[in-house]
């Protein structure tokens, strides 16, 4: 599975689109429960007013890696956010996750 979190951009062909952080995390949990591999997760950060930012998916993945060693991280996480500051912060977390 390929997951694309964004509030306004259209997902690429073959991807599953989510609009909010909770929806993305829920899908990751379902994939884990089914034993389904998540090939890639592509994250936007700015998802609208009064909505959790996409970086919160990374915070959750870090917690899962730390507290649940049996959790399978997605094979790859990328950032497609246009926000340069958020992008840099998110990419730093991704490097930490996969090191």
PDB file of N, CA and C in Angstrom:
ATOM      1  N   UNK A   1       0.839  -1.182   0.000  1.00  0.00           N
ATOM      2  CA  UNK A   1       0.000   0.000   0.000  1.00  0.00           C
ATOM      3  C   UNK A   1       0.883   1.244   0.000  1.00  0.00           C
ATOM      4  N   UNK A   2       0.386   2.266  -0.653  1.00  0.00           N
ATOM      5  CA  UNK A   2       1.016   3.581  -0.675  1.00  0.00           C
ATOM      6  C   UNK A   2      -0.005   4.581  -0.146  1.00  0.00           C
ATOM      7  N   UNK A   3       0.407   5.368   0.852  1.00  0.00           N
ATOM      8  CA  UNK A   3      -0.512   6.299   1.512  1.00  0.00           C
ATOM      9  C   UNK A   3      -0.074   7.732   1.237  1.00  0.00           C
ATOM     10  N   UNK A   4      -1.028   8.570   0.864  1.00  0.00           N
ATOM     11  CA  UNK A   4      -0.778   9.965   0.507  1.00  0.00           C
ATOM     12  C   UNK A   4      -1.641  10.855   1.396  1.00  0.00           C
ATOM     13  N   UNK A   5      -1.008  11.529   2.370  1.00  0.00           N
ATOM     14  CA  UNK A   5      -1.735  12.429   3.276  1.00  0.00           C
ATOM     15  C   UNK A   5      -1.691  13.845   2.743  1.00  0.00           C
ATOM     16  N   UNK A   6      -2.858  14.387   2.420  1.00  0.00           N
ATOM     17  CA  UNK A   6      -2.940  15.756   1.918  1.00  0.00           C
ATOM     18  C   UNK A   6      -4.377  16.241   2.001  1.00  0.00           C
ATOM     19  N   UNK A   7      -4.540  17.525   2.264  1.00  0.00           N
ATOM     20  CA  UNK A   7      -5.888  18.077   2.363  1.00  0.00           C
ATOM     21  C   UNK A   7      -6.425  18.582   1.031  1.00  0.00           C
ATOM     22  N   UNK A   8      -5.553  18.862   0.067  1.00  0.00           N
ATOM     23  CA  UNK A   8      -6.072  19.430  -1.180  1.00  0.00           C
ATOM     24  C   UNK A   8      -5.480  18.812  -2.452  1.00  0.00           C
ATOM     25  N   UNK A   9      -4.269  18.315  -2.421  1.00  0.00           N
ATOM     26  CA  UNK A   9      -3.676  17.719  -3.621  1.00  0.00           C
ATOM     27  C   UNK A   9      -4.298  16.357  -3.909  1.00  0.00           C
ATOM     28  N   UNK A  10      -4.405  16.042  -5.178  1.00  0.00           N
ATOM     29  CA  UNK A  10      -4.910  14.742  -5.609  1.00  0.00           C
ATOM     30  C   UNK A  10      -3.793  13.711  -5.468  1.00  0.00           C
ATOM     31  N   UNK A  11      -4.135  12.545  -4.979  1.00  0.00           N
ATOM     32  CA  UNK A  11      -3.145  11.490  -4.836  1.00  0.00           C
ATOM     33  C   UNK A  11      -2.737  10.948  -6.202  1.00  0.00           C
ATOM     34  N   UNK A  12      -1.495  10.492  -6.316  1.00  0.00           N
ATOM     35  CA  UNK A  12      -1.077   9.853  -7.564  1.00  0.00           C
ATOM     36  C   UNK A  12      -1.834   8.541  -7.775  1.00  0.00           C
ATOM     37  N   UNK A  13      -1.877   8.113  -8.995  1.00  0.00           N
ATOM     38  CA  UNK A  13      -2.535   6.857  -9.324  1.00  0.00           C
ATOM     39  C   UNK A  13      -1.904   5.714  -8.531  1.00  0.00           C
ATOM     40  N   UNK A  14      -2.753   4.869  -7.969  1.00  0.00           N
ATOM     41  CA  UNK A  14      -2.266   3.715  -7.218  1.00  0.00           C
ATOM     42  C   UNK A  14      -2.028   3.981  -5.738  1.00  0.00           C
ATOM     43  N   UNK A  15      -2.281   5.201  -5.304  1.00  0.00           N
ATOM     44  CA  UNK A  15      -2.088   5.571  -3.907  1.00  0.00           C
ATOM     45  C   UNK A  15      -3.443   5.668  -3.206  1.00  0.00           C
ATOM     46  N   UNK A  16      -3.441   5.476  -1.892  1.00  0.00           N
ATOM     47  CA  UNK A  16      -4.621   5.669  -1.061  1.00  0.00           C
ATOM     48  C   UNK A  16      -4.478   7.022  -0.385  1.00  0.00           C
ATOM     49  N   UNK A  17      -5.462   7.880  -0.586  1.00  0.00           N
ATOM     50  CA  UNK A  17      -5.394   9.229  -0.019  1.00  0.00           C
ATOM     51  C   UNK A  17      -6.059   9.281   1.346  1.00  0.00           C
ATOM     52  N   UNK A  18      -5.395   9.967   2.261  1.00  0.00           N
ATOM     53  CA  UNK A  18      -5.992  10.305   3.547  1.00  0.00           C
ATOM     54  C   UNK A  18      -5.962  11.819   3.659  1.00  0.00           C
ATOM     55  N   UNK A  19      -6.896  12.354   4.446  1.00  0.00           N
ATOM     56  CA  UNK A  19      -7.017  13.805   4.566  1.00  0.00           C
ATOM     57  C   UNK A  19      -6.554  14.351   5.911  1.00  0.00           C
ATOM     58  N   UNK A  20      -6.518  13.474   6.923  1.00  0.00           N
ATOM     59  CA  UNK A  20      -6.163  13.915   8.267  1.00  0.00           C
ATOM     60  C   UNK A  20      -5.226  12.913   8.927  1.00  0.00           C
ATOM     61  N   UNK A  21      -4.541  13.388   9.947  1.00  0.00           N
ATOM     62  CA  UNK A  21      -3.561  12.579  10.670  1.00  0.00           C
ATOM     63  C   UNK A  21      -4.205  11.325  11.253  1.00  0.00           C
ATOM     64  N   UNK A  22      -5.330  11.470  11.936  1.00  0.00           N
ATOM     65  CA  UNK A  22      -5.981  10.312  12.564  1.00  0.00           C
ATOM     66  C   UNK A  22      -6.372   9.254  11.539  1.00  0.00           C
ATOM     67  N   UNK A  23      -6.815   9.688  10.391  1.00  0.00           N
ATOM     68  CA  UNK A  23      -7.176   8.764   9.312  1.00  0.00           C
ATOM     69  C   UNK A  23      -5.940   8.001   8.834  1.00  0.00           C
ATOM     70  N   UNK A  24      -4.817   8.700   8.712  1.00  0.00           N
ATOM     71  CA  UNK A  24      -3.564   8.080   8.270  1.00  0.00           C
ATOM     72  C   UNK A  24      -3.085   7.055   9.285  1.00  0.00           C
ATOM     73  N   UNK A  25      -3.084   7.441  10.556  1.00  0.00           N
ATOM     74  CA  UNK A  25      -2.661   6.525  11.616  1.00  0.00           C
ATOM     75  C   UNK A  25      -3.575   5.311  11.663  1.00  0.00           C
ATOM     76  N   UNK A  26      -4.866   5.523  11.525  1.00  0.00           N
ATOM     77  CA  UNK A  26      -5.815   4.407  11.514  1.00  0.00           C
ATOM     78  C   UNK A  26      -5.522   3.428  10.390  1.00  0.00           C
ATOM     79  N   UNK A  27      -5.179   3.943   9.229  1.00  0.00           N
ATOM     80  CA  UNK A  27      -4.851   3.079   8.094  1.00  0.00           C
ATOM     81  C   UNK A  27      -3.554   2.314   8.351  1.00  0.00           C
ATOM     82  N   UNK A  28      -2.571   2.976   8.949  1.00  0.00           N
ATOM     83  CA  UNK A  28      -1.317   2.294   9.296  1.00  0.00           C
ATOM     84  C   UNK A  28      -1.566   1.170  10.297  1.00  0.00           C
ATOM     85  N   UNK A  29      -2.435   1.410  11.259  1.00  0.00           N
ATOM     86  CA  UNK A  29      -2.771   0.378  12.244  1.00  0.00           C
ATOM     87  C   UNK A  29      -3.470  -0.799  11.565  1.00  0.00           C
ATOM     88  N   UNK A  30      -4.422  -0.513  10.683  1.00  0.00           N
ATOM     89  CA  UNK A  30      -5.119  -1.587   9.960  1.00  0.00           C
ATOM     90  C   UNK A  30      -4.152  -2.424   9.140  1.00  0.00           C
ATOM     91  N   UNK A  31      -3.222  -1.764   8.471  1.00  0.00           N
ATOM     92  CA  UNK A  31      -2.226  -2.498   7.676  1.00  0.00           C
ATOM     93  C   UNK A  31      -1.394  -3.403   8.579  1.00  0.00           C
ATOM     94  N   UNK A  32      -1.008  -2.881   9.743  1.00  0.00           N
ATOM     95  CA  UNK A  32      -0.231  -3.665  10.708  1.00  0.00           C
ATOM     96  C   UNK A  32      -1.029  -4.891  11.153  1.00  0.00           C
ATOM     97  N   UNK A  33      -2.286  -4.699  11.477  1.00  0.00           N
ATOM     98  CA  UNK A  33      -3.134  -5.796  11.950  1.00  0.00           C
ATOM     99  C   UNK A  33      -3.319  -6.867  10.878  1.00  0.00           C
ATOM    100  N   UNK A  34      -3.389  -6.452   9.633  1.00  0.00           N
ATOM    101  CA  UNK A  34      -3.586  -7.382   8.510  1.00  0.00           C
ATOM    102  C   UNK A  34      -2.283  -8.009   8.027  1.00  0.00           C
ATOM    103  N   UNK A  35      -1.151  -7.503   8.528  1.00  0.00           N
ATOM    104  CA  UNK A  35       0.144  -7.980   8.051  1.00  0.00           C
ATOM    105  C   UNK A  35       0.486  -7.440   6.677  1.00  0.00           C
ATOM    106  N   UNK A  36      -0.168  -6.357   6.301  1.00  0.00           N
ATOM    107  CA  UNK A  36       0.031  -5.738   4.990  1.00  0.00           C
ATOM    108  C   UNK A  36       1.214  -4.765   5.044  1.00  0.00           C
ATOM    109  N   UNK A  37       2.077  -4.831   4.067  1.00  0.00           N
ATOM    110  CA  UNK A  37       3.232  -3.948   3.998  1.00  0.00           C
ATOM    111  C   UNK A  37       2.831  -2.582   3.461  1.00  0.00           C
ATOM    112  N   UNK A  38       3.292  -1.543   4.128  1.00  0.00           N
ATOM    113  CA  UNK A  38       3.108  -0.183   3.624  1.00  0.00           C
ATOM    114  C   UNK A  38       4.410   0.191   2.926  1.00  0.00           C
ATOM    115  N   UNK A  39       4.324   0.314   1.618  1.00  0.00           N
ATOM    116  CA  UNK A  39       5.515   0.603   0.816  1.00  0.00           C
ATOM    117  C   UNK A  39       6.042   2.006   1.074  1.00  0.00           C
ATOM    118  N   UNK A  40       5.133   2.969   1.056  1.00  0.00           N
ATOM    119  CA  UNK A  40       5.551   4.365   1.230  1.00  0.00           C
ATOM    120  C   UNK A  40       4.393   5.189   1.782  1.00  0.00           C
ATOM    121  N   UNK A  41       4.755   6.169   2.595  1.00  0.00           N
ATOM    122  CA  UNK A  41       3.804   7.167   3.082  1.00  0.00           C
ATOM    123  C   UNK A  41       4.352   8.519   2.644  1.00  0.00           C
ATOM    124  N   UNK A  42       3.542   9.312   1.976  1.00  0.00           N
ATOM    125  CA  UNK A  42       3.930  10.653   1.545  1.00  0.00           C
ATOM    126  C   UNK A  42       3.099  11.658   2.337  1.00  0.00           C
ATOM    127  N   UNK A  43       3.793  12.593   3.011  1.00  0.00           N
ATOM    128  CA  UNK A  43       3.131  13.482   3.951  1.00  0.00           C
ATOM    129  C   UNK A  43       3.176  14.949   3.543  1.00  0.00           C
ATOM    130  N   UNK A  44       2.031  15.585   3.647  1.00  0.00           N
ATOM    131  CA  UNK A  44       1.936  17.040   3.638  1.00  0.00           C
ATOM    132  C   UNK A  44       1.928  17.451   5.101  1.00  0.00           C
ATOM    133  N   UNK A  45       2.342  18.654   5.429  1.00  0.00           N
ATOM    134  CA  UNK A  45       2.307  19.089   6.818  1.00  0.00           C
ATOM    135  C   UNK A  45       1.083  19.947   7.113  1.00  0.00           C
ATOM    136  N   UNK A  46       0.867  20.994   6.334  1.00  0.00           N
ATOM    137  CA  UNK A  46      -0.191  21.960   6.605  1.00  0.00           C
ATOM    138  C   UNK A  46      -1.509  21.460   6.023  1.00  0.00           C
ATOM    139  N   UNK A  47      -2.368  20.967   6.914  1.00  0.00           N
ATOM    140  CA  UNK A  47      -3.603  20.310   6.480  1.00  0.00           C
ATOM    141  C   UNK A  47      -4.851  21.136   6.716  1.00  0.00           C
ATOM    142  N   UNK A  48      -4.697  22.400   7.057  1.00  0.00           N
ATOM    143  CA  UNK A  48      -5.847  23.270   7.261  1.00  0.00           C
ATOM    144  C   UNK A  48      -5.912  23.793   8.690  1.00  0.00           C
ATOM    145  N   UNK A  49      -6.738  24.794   8.856  1.00  0.00           N
ATOM    146  CA  UNK A  49      -6.899  25.430  10.170  1.00  0.00           C
ATOM    147  C   UNK A  49      -7.519  24.451  11.159  1.00  0.00           C
ATOM    148  N   UNK A  50      -7.027  24.473  12.365  1.00  0.00           N
ATOM    149  CA  UNK A  50      -7.556  23.660  13.466  1.00  0.00           C
ATOM    150  C   UNK A  50      -7.510  22.157  13.188  1.00  0.00           C
ATOM    151  N   UNK A  51      -6.525  21.739  12.394  1.00  0.00           N
ATOM    152  CA  UNK A  51      -6.343  20.323  12.074  1.00  0.00           C
ATOM    153  C   UNK A  51      -4.903  19.964  12.426  1.00  0.00           C
ATOM    154  N   UNK A  52      -4.695  18.769  12.986  1.00  0.00           N
ATOM    155  CA  UNK A  52      -3.339  18.339  13.295  1.00  0.00           C
ATOM    156  C   UNK A  52      -2.462  18.392  12.053  1.00  0.00           C
ATOM    157  N   UNK A  53      -1.230  18.788  12.241  1.00  0.00           N
ATOM    158  CA  UNK A  53      -0.278  18.865  11.128  1.00  0.00           C
ATOM    159  C   UNK A  53       0.244  17.475  10.793  1.00  0.00           C
ATOM    160  N   UNK A  54       0.626  17.293   9.544  1.00  0.00           N
ATOM    161  CA  UNK A  54       1.107  16.007   9.062  1.00  0.00           C
ATOM    162  C   UNK A  54       2.301  15.462   9.826  1.00  0.00           C
ATOM    163  N   UNK A  55       3.099  16.327  10.401  1.00  0.00           N
ATOM    164  CA  UNK A  55       4.269  15.874  11.158  1.00  0.00           C
ATOM    165  C   UNK A  55       3.870  15.013  12.351  1.00  0.00           C
ATOM    166  N   UNK A  56       2.624  15.108  12.777  1.00  0.00           N
ATOM    167  CA  UNK A  56       2.158  14.296  13.902  1.00  0.00           C
ATOM    168  C   UNK A  56       2.143  12.803  13.557  1.00  0.00           C
ATOM    169  N   UNK A  57       2.050  12.471  12.278  1.00  0.00           N
ATOM    170  CA  UNK A  57       2.172  11.069  11.865  1.00  0.00           C
ATOM    171  C   UNK A  57       3.577  10.576  12.207  1.00  0.00           C
ATOM    172  N   UNK A  58       4.567  11.418  11.975  1.00  0.00           N
ATOM    173  CA  UNK A  58       5.946  11.045  12.295  1.00  0.00           C
ATOM    174  C   UNK A  58       6.148  10.916  13.799  1.00  0.00           C
ATOM    175  N   UNK A  59       5.540  11.800  14.569  1.00  0.00           N
ATOM    176  CA  UNK A  59       5.626  11.686  16.027  1.00  0.00           C
ATOM    177  C   UNK A  59       5.066  10.332  16.473  1.00  0.00           C
ATOM    178  N   UNK A  60       3.943   9.942  15.888  1.00  0.00           N
ATOM    179  CA  UNK A  60       3.317   8.666  16.230  1.00  0.00           C
ATOM    180  C   UNK A  60       4.209   7.495  15.813  1.00  0.00           C
ATOM    181  N   UNK A  61       4.804   7.564  14.626  1.00  0.00           N
ATOM    182  CA  UNK A  61       5.703   6.489  14.175  1.00  0.00           C
ATOM    183  C   UNK A  61       6.904   6.351  15.106  1.00  0.00           C
ATOM    184  N   UNK A  62       7.433   7.479  15.569  1.00  0.00           N
ATOM    185  CA  UNK A  62       8.549   7.419  16.517  1.00  0.00           C
ATOM    186  C   UNK A  62       8.128   6.720  17.810  1.00  0.00           C
ATOM    187  N   UNK A  63       6.959   7.047  18.305  1.00  0.00           N
ATOM    188  CA  UNK A  63       6.462   6.393  19.517  1.00  0.00           C
ATOM    189  C   UNK A  63       6.291   4.897  19.302  1.00  0.00           C
ATOM    190  N   UNK A  64       5.740   4.521  18.162  1.00  0.00           N
ATOM    191  CA  UNK A  64       5.537   3.108  17.873  1.00  0.00           C
ATOM    192  C   UNK A  64       6.872   2.372  17.798  1.00  0.00           C
ATOM    193  N   UNK A  65       7.841   2.968  17.171  1.00  0.00           N
ATOM    194  CA  UNK A  65       9.159   2.338  17.051  1.00  0.00           C
ATOM    195  C   UNK A  65       9.773   2.139  18.435  1.00  0.00           C
ATOM    196  N   UNK A  66       9.589   3.116  19.299  1.00  0.00           N
ATOM    197  CA  UNK A  66      10.190   3.063  20.629  1.00  0.00           C
ATOM    198  C   UNK A  66       9.456   2.098  21.568  1.00  0.00           C
ATOM    199  N   UNK A  67       8.129   2.165  21.586  1.00  0.00           N
ATOM    200  CA  UNK A  67       7.350   1.412  22.563  1.00  0.00           C
ATOM    201  C   UNK A  67       6.808   0.076  22.058  1.00  0.00           C
ATOM    202  N   UNK A  68       6.830  -0.140  20.748  1.00  0.00           N
ATOM    203  CA  UNK A  68       6.303  -1.381  20.182  1.00  0.00           C
ATOM    204  C   UNK A  68       7.288  -1.909  19.139  1.00  0.00           C
ATOM    205  N   UNK A  69       8.316  -2.629  19.595  1.00  0.00           N
ATOM    206  CA  UNK A  69       9.351  -3.090  18.661  1.00  0.00           C
ATOM    207  C   UNK A  69       8.835  -4.032  17.570  1.00  0.00           C
ATOM    208  N   UNK A  70       7.634  -4.594  17.746  1.00  0.00           N
ATOM    209  CA  UNK A  70       7.066  -5.480  16.728  1.00  0.00           C
ATOM    210  C   UNK A  70       6.360  -4.713  15.612  1.00  0.00           C
ATOM    211  N   UNK A  71       6.204  -3.402  15.799  1.00  0.00           N
ATOM    212  CA  UNK A  71       5.524  -2.602  14.777  1.00  0.00           C
ATOM    213  C   UNK A  71       6.421  -2.460  13.560  1.00  0.00           C
ATOM    214  N   UNK A  72       5.860  -2.718  12.384  1.00  0.00           N
ATOM    215  CA  UNK A  72       6.607  -2.585  11.135  1.00  0.00           C
ATOM    216  C   UNK A  72       6.423  -1.190  10.574  1.00  0.00           C
ATOM    217  N   UNK A  73       7.493  -0.426  10.545  1.00  0.00           N
ATOM    218  CA  UNK A  73       7.450   0.897   9.931  1.00  0.00           C
ATOM    219  C   UNK A  73       7.166   0.763   8.439  1.00  0.00           C
ATOM    220  N   UNK A  74       6.584   1.783   7.839  1.00  0.00           N
ATOM    221  CA  UNK A  74       6.500   1.778   6.373  1.00  0.00           C
ATOM    222  C   UNK A  74       7.911   1.638   5.803  1.00  0.00           C
ATOM    223  N   UNK A  75       8.016   1.027   4.640  1.00  0.00           N
ATOM    224  CA  UNK A  75       9.340   0.875   4.040  1.00  0.00           C
ATOM    225  C   UNK A  75      10.007   2.221   3.794  1.00  0.00           C
ATOM    226  N   UNK A  76       9.175   3.230   3.513  1.00  0.00           N
ATOM    227  CA  UNK A  76       9.714   4.547   3.192  1.00  0.00           C
ATOM    228  C   UNK A  76       8.692   5.607   3.582  1.00  0.00           C
ATOM    229  N   UNK A  77       9.190   6.750   4.057  1.00  0.00           N
ATOM    230  CA  UNK A  77       8.345   7.916   4.321  1.00  0.00           C
ATOM    231  C   UNK A  77       8.989   9.101   3.616  1.00  0.00           C
ATOM    232  N   UNK A  78       8.172   9.844   2.864  1.00  0.00           N
ATOM    233  CA  UNK A  78       8.654  11.033   2.159  1.00  0.00           C
ATOM    234  C   UNK A  78       7.754  12.215   2.506  1.00  0.00           C
ATOM    235  N   UNK A  79       8.258  13.391   2.249  1.00  0.00           N
ATOM    236  CA  UNK A  79       7.516  14.617   2.534  1.00  0.00           C
ATOM    237  C   UNK A  79       7.265  15.351   1.223  1.00  0.00           C
ATOM    238  N   UNK A  80       6.023  15.733   0.986  1.00  0.00           N
ATOM    239  CA  UNK A  80       5.712  16.536  -0.208  1.00  0.00           C
ATOM    240  C   UNK A  80       5.174  17.918   0.170  1.00  0.00           C
ATOM    241  N   UNK A  81       5.360  18.309   1.422  1.00  0.00           N
ATOM    242  CA  UNK A  81       4.884  19.602   1.918  1.00  0.00           C
ATOM    243  C   UNK A  81       5.635  20.750   1.235  1.00  0.00           C
ATOM    244  N   UNK A  82       4.910  21.812   0.943  1.00  0.00           N
ATOM    245  CA  UNK A  82       5.513  23.015   0.358  1.00  0.00           C
ATOM    246  C   UNK A  82       6.086  23.932   1.438  1.00  0.00           C
ATOM    247  N   UNK A  83       5.854  23.615   2.694  1.00  0.00           N
ATOM    248  CA  UNK A  83       6.344  24.411   3.814  1.00  0.00           C
ATOM    249  C   UNK A  83       7.803  24.034   4.073  1.00  0.00           C
ATOM    250  N   UNK A  84       8.764  24.924   3.743  1.00  0.00           N
ATOM    251  CA  UNK A  84      10.180  24.549   3.835  1.00  0.00           C
ATOM    252  C   UNK A  84      10.663  24.271   5.254  1.00  0.00           C
ATOM    253  N   UNK A  85      10.156  24.986   6.226  1.00  0.00           N
ATOM    254  CA  UNK A  85      10.585  24.757   7.612  1.00  0.00           C
ATOM    255  C   UNK A  85      10.053  23.415   8.105  1.00  0.00           C
ATOM    256  N   UNK A  86       8.783  23.157   7.865  1.00  0.00           N
ATOM    257  CA  UNK A  86       8.192  21.881   8.267  1.00  0.00           C
ATOM    258  C   UNK A  86       8.855  20.726   7.534  1.00  0.00           C
ATOM    259  N   UNK A  87       9.125  20.906   6.259  1.00  0.00           N
ATOM    260  CA  UNK A  87       9.771  19.848   5.470  1.00  0.00           C
ATOM    261  C   UNK A  87      11.102  19.458   6.097  1.00  0.00           C
ATOM    262  N   UNK A  88      11.910  20.449   6.442  1.00  0.00           N
ATOM    263  CA  UNK A  88      13.222  20.168   7.027  1.00  0.00           C
ATOM    264  C   UNK A  88      13.082  19.419   8.354  1.00  0.00           C
ATOM    265  N   UNK A  89      12.176  19.869   9.191  1.00  0.00           N
ATOM    266  CA  UNK A  89      11.958  19.195  10.477  1.00  0.00           C
ATOM    267  C   UNK A  89      11.482  17.759  10.268  1.00  0.00           C
ATOM    268  N   UNK A  90      10.569  17.574   9.342  1.00  0.00           N
ATOM    269  CA  UNK A  90      10.032  16.246   9.085  1.00  0.00           C
ATOM    270  C   UNK A  90      11.110  15.320   8.527  1.00  0.00           C
ATOM    271  N   UNK A  91      11.931  15.812   7.637  1.00  0.00           N
ATOM    272  CA  UNK A  91      12.994  14.984   7.065  1.00  0.00           C
ATOM    273  C   UNK A  91      14.025  14.597   8.117  1.00  0.00           C
ATOM    274  N   UNK A  92      14.245  15.462   9.102  1.00  0.00           N
ATOM    275  CA  UNK A  92      15.142  15.128  10.213  1.00  0.00           C
ATOM    276  C   UNK A  92      14.577  13.963  11.022  1.00  0.00           C
ATOM    277  N   UNK A  93      13.274  13.991  11.269  1.00  0.00           N
ATOM    278  CA  UNK A  93      12.641  12.893  12.011  1.00  0.00           C
ATOM    279  C   UNK A  93      12.715  11.601  11.195  1.00  0.00           C
ATOM    280  N   UNK A  94      12.493  11.676   9.906  1.00  0.00           N
ATOM    281  CA  UNK A  94      12.555  10.483   9.039  1.00  0.00           C
ATOM    282  C   UNK A  94      13.945   9.876   9.098  1.00  0.00           C
ATOM    283  N   UNK A  95      14.974  10.687   9.022  1.00  0.00           N
ATOM    284  CA  UNK A  95      16.356  10.153   9.119  1.00  0.00           C
ATOM    285  C   UNK A  95      16.565   9.445  10.434  1.00  0.00           C
ATOM    286  N   UNK A  96      16.050  10.013  11.516  1.00  0.00           N
ATOM    287  CA  UNK A  96      16.179   9.398  12.835  1.00  0.00           C
ATOM    288  C   UNK A  96      15.414   8.068  12.884  1.00  0.00           C
ATOM    289  N   UNK A  97      14.239   8.028  12.297  1.00  0.00           N
ATOM    290  CA  UNK A  97      13.423   6.812  12.292  1.00  0.00           C
ATOM    291  C   UNK A  97      14.123   5.648  11.598  1.00  0.00           C
ATOM    292  N   UNK A  98      14.813   5.939  10.522  1.00  0.00           N
ATOM    293  CA  UNK A  98      15.371   4.880   9.688  1.00  0.00           C
ATOM    294  C   UNK A  98      16.876   4.717   9.853  1.00  0.00           C
ATOM    295  N   UNK A  99      17.421   5.251  10.917  1.00  0.00           N
ATOM    296  CA  UNK A  99      18.869   5.071  11.142  1.00  0.00           C
ATOM    297  C   UNK A  99      19.124   3.956  12.133  1.00  0.00           C
TER     298      UNK A  99
END
